[in-house]
Amino acid sequence: MTVNAKHDTASFENCGYKREIFDGNALYDGFLRAKQGVITPVAFENWYKSWFKGHYKIMSKLQRQNLDTLFNQLKEVLENVQNHSE
C-alpha cells in the first residue's frame, strides 16, 4: 500500500499558511503500531480523531477527504488482520 503524504498543494500555495500537511505518513506509522499490537485499534482511532480535529481548519477539503479515505482503508485492513489472527 502506498501512502500519498502530499495532498492538495494548490490550496496550500494560495491560502497563505506557512506549512503543508504531511501527516499521511504519521497516520501510516500509527497503523503499523496498531497492526503490531503496540497500540490498540481503539487507541489508533482515537489518536486519528484527535489529530484530525486539531488540524481540520488548516486543511483543504481535498486534504480532509484524502486523509479520511486513507484512515478508513487502514482501519479496514487492521480489522481484517485482527479477524484472521483470532
N, C-alpha and C. Protein backbone atom coordinates (compact mmCIF):
# COMPACT_ATOMS: atom_id res chain seq x y z
N MET A 1 0.84 -1.16 0.00
CA MET A 1 0.00 0.00 0.00
C MET A 1 0.89 1.23 0.00
N THR A 2 0.65 2.14 -0.88
CA THR A 2 1.42 3.37 -0.91
C THR A 2 0.65 4.46 -0.19
N VAL A 3 1.39 5.33 0.43
CA VAL A 3 0.80 6.43 1.17
C VAL A 3 1.18 7.73 0.49
N ASN A 4 0.18 8.47 0.05
CA ASN A 4 0.43 9.77 -0.56
C ASN A 4 0.38 10.82 0.52
N ALA A 5 1.54 11.21 1.02
CA ALA A 5 1.60 12.15 2.13
C ALA A 5 1.43 13.59 1.67
N LYS A 6 1.70 13.87 0.42
CA LYS A 6 1.49 15.21 -0.11
C LYS A 6 0.10 15.25 -0.70
N HIS A 7 -0.75 16.05 -0.13
CA HIS A 7 -2.12 16.10 -0.59
C HIS A 7 -2.31 17.28 -1.53
N ASP A 8 -3.37 17.94 -1.45
CA ASP A 8 -3.71 19.04 -2.33
C ASP A 8 -2.82 20.24 -2.04
N THR A 9 -1.77 20.44 -2.83
CA THR A 9 -0.85 21.53 -2.55
C THR A 9 -1.27 22.84 -3.19
N ALA A 10 -2.19 22.81 -4.13
CA ALA A 10 -2.63 24.04 -4.78
C ALA A 10 -3.28 24.98 -3.77
N SER A 11 -4.13 24.46 -2.91
CA SER A 11 -4.79 25.32 -1.93
C SER A 11 -3.79 25.82 -0.90
N PHE A 12 -2.78 25.02 -0.57
CA PHE A 12 -1.75 25.45 0.36
C PHE A 12 -1.03 26.68 -0.18
N GLU A 13 -0.67 26.66 -1.45
CA GLU A 13 0.07 27.76 -2.04
C GLU A 13 -0.78 29.02 -2.11
N ASN A 14 -2.07 28.88 -2.23
CA ASN A 14 -2.95 30.03 -2.37
C ASN A 14 -3.48 30.57 -1.05
N CYS A 15 -3.38 29.82 0.03
CA CYS A 15 -4.07 30.21 1.26
C CYS A 15 -3.23 31.06 2.20
N GLY A 16 -1.93 31.09 2.06
CA GLY A 16 -1.11 31.92 2.92
C GLY A 16 -0.59 31.21 4.16
N TYR A 17 -0.94 29.95 4.38
CA TYR A 17 -0.37 29.23 5.51
C TYR A 17 1.08 28.91 5.22
N LYS A 18 1.87 28.83 6.27
CA LYS A 18 3.31 28.66 6.12
C LYS A 18 3.74 27.20 6.14
N ARG A 19 2.81 26.29 6.27
CA ARG A 19 3.21 24.88 6.29
C ARG A 19 2.20 24.05 5.54
N GLU A 20 2.62 22.89 5.21
CA GLU A 20 1.81 21.94 4.46
C GLU A 20 1.56 20.72 5.34
N ILE A 21 0.51 19.99 5.05
CA ILE A 21 0.18 18.81 5.85
C ILE A 21 0.86 17.59 5.23
N PHE A 22 1.76 16.95 5.97
CA PHE A 22 2.46 15.76 5.53
C PHE A 22 2.21 14.60 6.48
N ASP A 23 1.03 14.53 7.06
CA ASP A 23 0.80 13.56 8.12
C ASP A 23 0.22 12.24 7.64
N GLY A 24 0.16 12.03 6.32
CA GLY A 24 -0.25 10.72 5.82
C GLY A 24 0.71 9.65 6.31
N ASN A 25 1.99 9.98 6.35
CA ASN A 25 2.98 9.01 6.84
C ASN A 25 2.84 8.77 8.33
N ALA A 26 2.50 9.80 9.10
CA ALA A 26 2.28 9.63 10.54
C ALA A 26 1.08 8.73 10.76
N LEU A 27 0.06 8.89 9.93
CA LEU A 27 -1.12 8.03 10.02
C LEU A 27 -0.75 6.59 9.73
N TYR A 28 0.08 6.37 8.72
CA TYR A 28 0.51 5.01 8.37
C TYR A 28 1.38 4.41 9.48
N ASP A 29 2.22 5.23 10.12
CA ASP A 29 3.04 4.75 11.24
C ASP A 29 2.15 4.30 12.40
N GLY A 30 1.10 5.07 12.68
CA GLY A 30 0.15 4.67 13.71
C GLY A 30 -0.54 3.36 13.38
N PHE A 31 -0.87 3.20 12.10
CA PHE A 31 -1.48 1.95 11.65
C PHE A 31 -0.53 0.78 11.88
N LEU A 32 0.74 0.94 11.55
CA LEU A 32 1.71 -0.13 11.74
C LEU A 32 1.86 -0.50 13.21
N ARG A 33 1.84 0.51 14.09
CA ARG A 33 1.92 0.23 15.52
C ARG A 33 0.71 -0.55 16.00
N ALA A 34 -0.47 -0.20 15.47
CA ALA A 34 -1.68 -0.93 15.85
C ALA A 34 -1.65 -2.35 15.29
N LYS A 35 -1.13 -2.51 14.08
CA LYS A 35 -1.05 -3.83 13.47
C LYS A 35 -0.09 -4.74 14.24
N GLN A 36 0.98 -4.17 14.76
CA GLN A 36 1.97 -4.93 15.52
C GLN A 36 1.53 -5.16 16.96
N GLY A 37 0.45 -4.52 17.39
CA GLY A 37 -0.04 -4.69 18.74
C GLY A 37 0.57 -3.74 19.75
N VAL A 38 1.34 -2.77 19.28
CA VAL A 38 1.95 -1.80 20.19
C VAL A 38 0.87 -0.90 20.80
N ILE A 39 -0.09 -0.49 19.99
CA ILE A 39 -1.25 0.26 20.48
C ILE A 39 -2.50 -0.49 20.05
N THR A 40 -3.59 -0.24 20.73
CA THR A 40 -4.84 -0.92 20.39
C THR A 40 -5.48 -0.24 19.19
N PRO A 41 -6.32 -0.95 18.45
CA PRO A 41 -7.05 -0.32 17.35
C PRO A 41 -7.91 0.85 17.82
N VAL A 42 -8.45 0.75 19.02
CA VAL A 42 -9.25 1.86 19.57
C VAL A 42 -8.37 3.09 19.80
N ALA A 43 -7.16 2.87 20.32
CA ALA A 43 -6.22 3.98 20.54
C ALA A 43 -5.82 4.60 19.20
N PHE A 44 -5.64 3.78 18.18
CA PHE A 44 -5.32 4.29 16.84
C PHE A 44 -6.44 5.18 16.33
N GLU A 45 -7.68 4.73 16.48
CA GLU A 45 -8.83 5.51 16.01
C GLU A 45 -8.97 6.81 16.82
N ASN A 46 -8.79 6.74 18.13
CA ASN A 46 -8.87 7.93 18.97
C ASN A 46 -7.77 8.93 18.63
N TRP A 47 -6.55 8.42 18.38
CA TRP A 47 -5.46 9.30 18.00
C TRP A 47 -5.79 10.04 16.71
N TYR A 48 -6.30 9.32 15.72
CA TYR A 48 -6.63 9.95 14.44
C TYR A 48 -7.70 11.02 14.62
N LYS A 49 -8.76 10.71 15.34
CA LYS A 49 -9.84 11.67 15.55
C LYS A 49 -9.33 12.93 16.25
N SER A 50 -8.49 12.74 17.25
CA SER A 50 -7.92 13.87 17.97
C SER A 50 -7.03 14.71 17.07
N TRP A 51 -6.17 14.05 16.32
CA TRP A 51 -5.28 14.78 15.41
C TRP A 51 -6.09 15.52 14.35
N PHE A 52 -7.09 14.88 13.78
CA PHE A 52 -7.90 15.47 12.72
C PHE A 52 -8.62 16.71 13.22
N LYS A 53 -9.18 16.66 14.42
CA LYS A 53 -9.88 17.82 14.98
C LYS A 53 -8.93 19.00 15.18
N GLY A 54 -7.69 18.71 15.51
CA GLY A 54 -6.71 19.77 15.71
C GLY A 54 -6.21 20.41 14.43
N HIS A 55 -6.33 19.70 13.31
CA HIS A 55 -5.81 20.21 12.04
C HIS A 55 -6.90 20.51 11.02
N TYR A 56 -8.13 20.31 11.38
CA TYR A 56 -9.25 20.41 10.45
C TYR A 56 -9.30 21.75 9.71
N LYS A 57 -9.12 22.83 10.42
CA LYS A 57 -9.31 24.15 9.82
C LYS A 57 -8.18 24.57 8.88
N ILE A 58 -7.02 23.96 8.98
CA ILE A 58 -5.91 24.37 8.12
C ILE A 58 -5.75 23.47 6.90
N MET A 59 -6.65 22.49 6.75
CA MET A 59 -6.59 21.60 5.59
C MET A 59 -7.67 21.97 4.58
N SER A 60 -7.35 21.75 3.32
CA SER A 60 -8.36 21.94 2.29
C SER A 60 -9.35 20.77 2.34
N LYS A 61 -10.45 20.94 1.64
CA LYS A 61 -11.46 19.87 1.60
C LYS A 61 -10.87 18.60 1.01
N LEU A 62 -10.05 18.73 -0.02
CA LEU A 62 -9.44 17.56 -0.65
C LEU A 62 -8.48 16.86 0.32
N GLN A 63 -7.71 17.62 1.09
CA GLN A 63 -6.82 17.02 2.08
C GLN A 63 -7.62 16.24 3.12
N ARG A 64 -8.71 16.82 3.60
CA ARG A 64 -9.55 16.14 4.59
C ARG A 64 -10.12 14.85 4.02
N GLN A 65 -10.58 14.90 2.78
CA GLN A 65 -11.13 13.71 2.14
C GLN A 65 -10.06 12.64 1.96
N ASN A 66 -8.87 13.04 1.53
CA ASN A 66 -7.78 12.09 1.33
C ASN A 66 -7.39 11.40 2.63
N LEU A 67 -7.26 12.18 3.71
CA LEU A 67 -6.88 11.58 4.98
C LEU A 67 -7.99 10.68 5.53
N ASP A 68 -9.24 11.10 5.37
CA ASP A 68 -10.35 10.24 5.82
C ASP A 68 -10.38 8.93 5.04
N THR A 69 -10.18 9.02 3.74
CA THR A 69 -10.16 7.81 2.90
C THR A 69 -9.02 6.90 3.32
N LEU A 70 -7.83 7.47 3.51
CA LEU A 70 -6.67 6.68 3.93
C LEU A 70 -6.93 6.03 5.29
N PHE A 71 -7.47 6.79 6.23
CA PHE A 71 -7.76 6.24 7.56
C PHE A 71 -8.74 5.08 7.46
N ASN A 72 -9.80 5.25 6.69
CA ASN A 72 -10.80 4.18 6.56
C ASN A 72 -10.21 2.93 5.92
N GLN A 73 -9.33 3.10 4.94
CA GLN A 73 -8.68 1.95 4.31
C GLN A 73 -7.77 1.23 5.31
N LEU A 74 -7.00 2.00 6.07
CA LEU A 74 -6.10 1.40 7.06
C LEU A 74 -6.89 0.72 8.17
N LYS A 75 -7.99 1.32 8.59
CA LYS A 75 -8.83 0.73 9.62
C LYS A 75 -9.43 -0.59 9.15
N GLU A 76 -9.85 -0.64 7.88
CA GLU A 76 -10.40 -1.87 7.31
C GLU A 76 -9.35 -2.98 7.26
N VAL A 77 -8.14 -2.63 6.85
CA VAL A 77 -7.05 -3.61 6.80
C VAL A 77 -6.76 -4.12 8.21
N LEU A 78 -6.73 -3.21 9.18
CA LEU A 78 -6.46 -3.58 10.57
C LEU A 78 -7.54 -4.54 11.09
N GLU A 79 -8.78 -4.29 10.77
CA GLU A 79 -9.87 -5.17 11.19
C GLU A 79 -9.74 -6.55 10.55
N ASN A 80 -9.34 -6.59 9.28
CA ASN A 80 -9.15 -7.87 8.60
C ASN A 80 -8.00 -8.67 9.22
N VAL A 81 -6.93 -7.98 9.57
CA VAL A 81 -5.78 -8.64 10.19
C VAL A 81 -6.18 -9.21 11.54
N GLN A 82 -6.96 -8.48 12.31
CA GLN A 82 -7.40 -8.97 13.62
C GLN A 82 -8.32 -10.16 13.47
N ASN A 83 -9.22 -10.14 12.49
CA ASN A 83 -10.13 -11.25 12.28
C ASN A 83 -9.40 -12.53 11.88
N HIS A 84 -8.32 -12.38 11.12
CA HIS A 84 -7.56 -13.55 10.68
C HIS A 84 -6.70 -14.12 11.79
N SER A 85 -6.31 -13.26 12.73
CA SER A 85 -5.44 -13.74 13.80
C SER A 85 -6.21 -14.42 14.93
N GLU A 86 -7.51 -14.27 14.96
CA GLU A 86 -8.31 -14.89 16.02
C GLU A 86 -8.61 -16.32 15.75
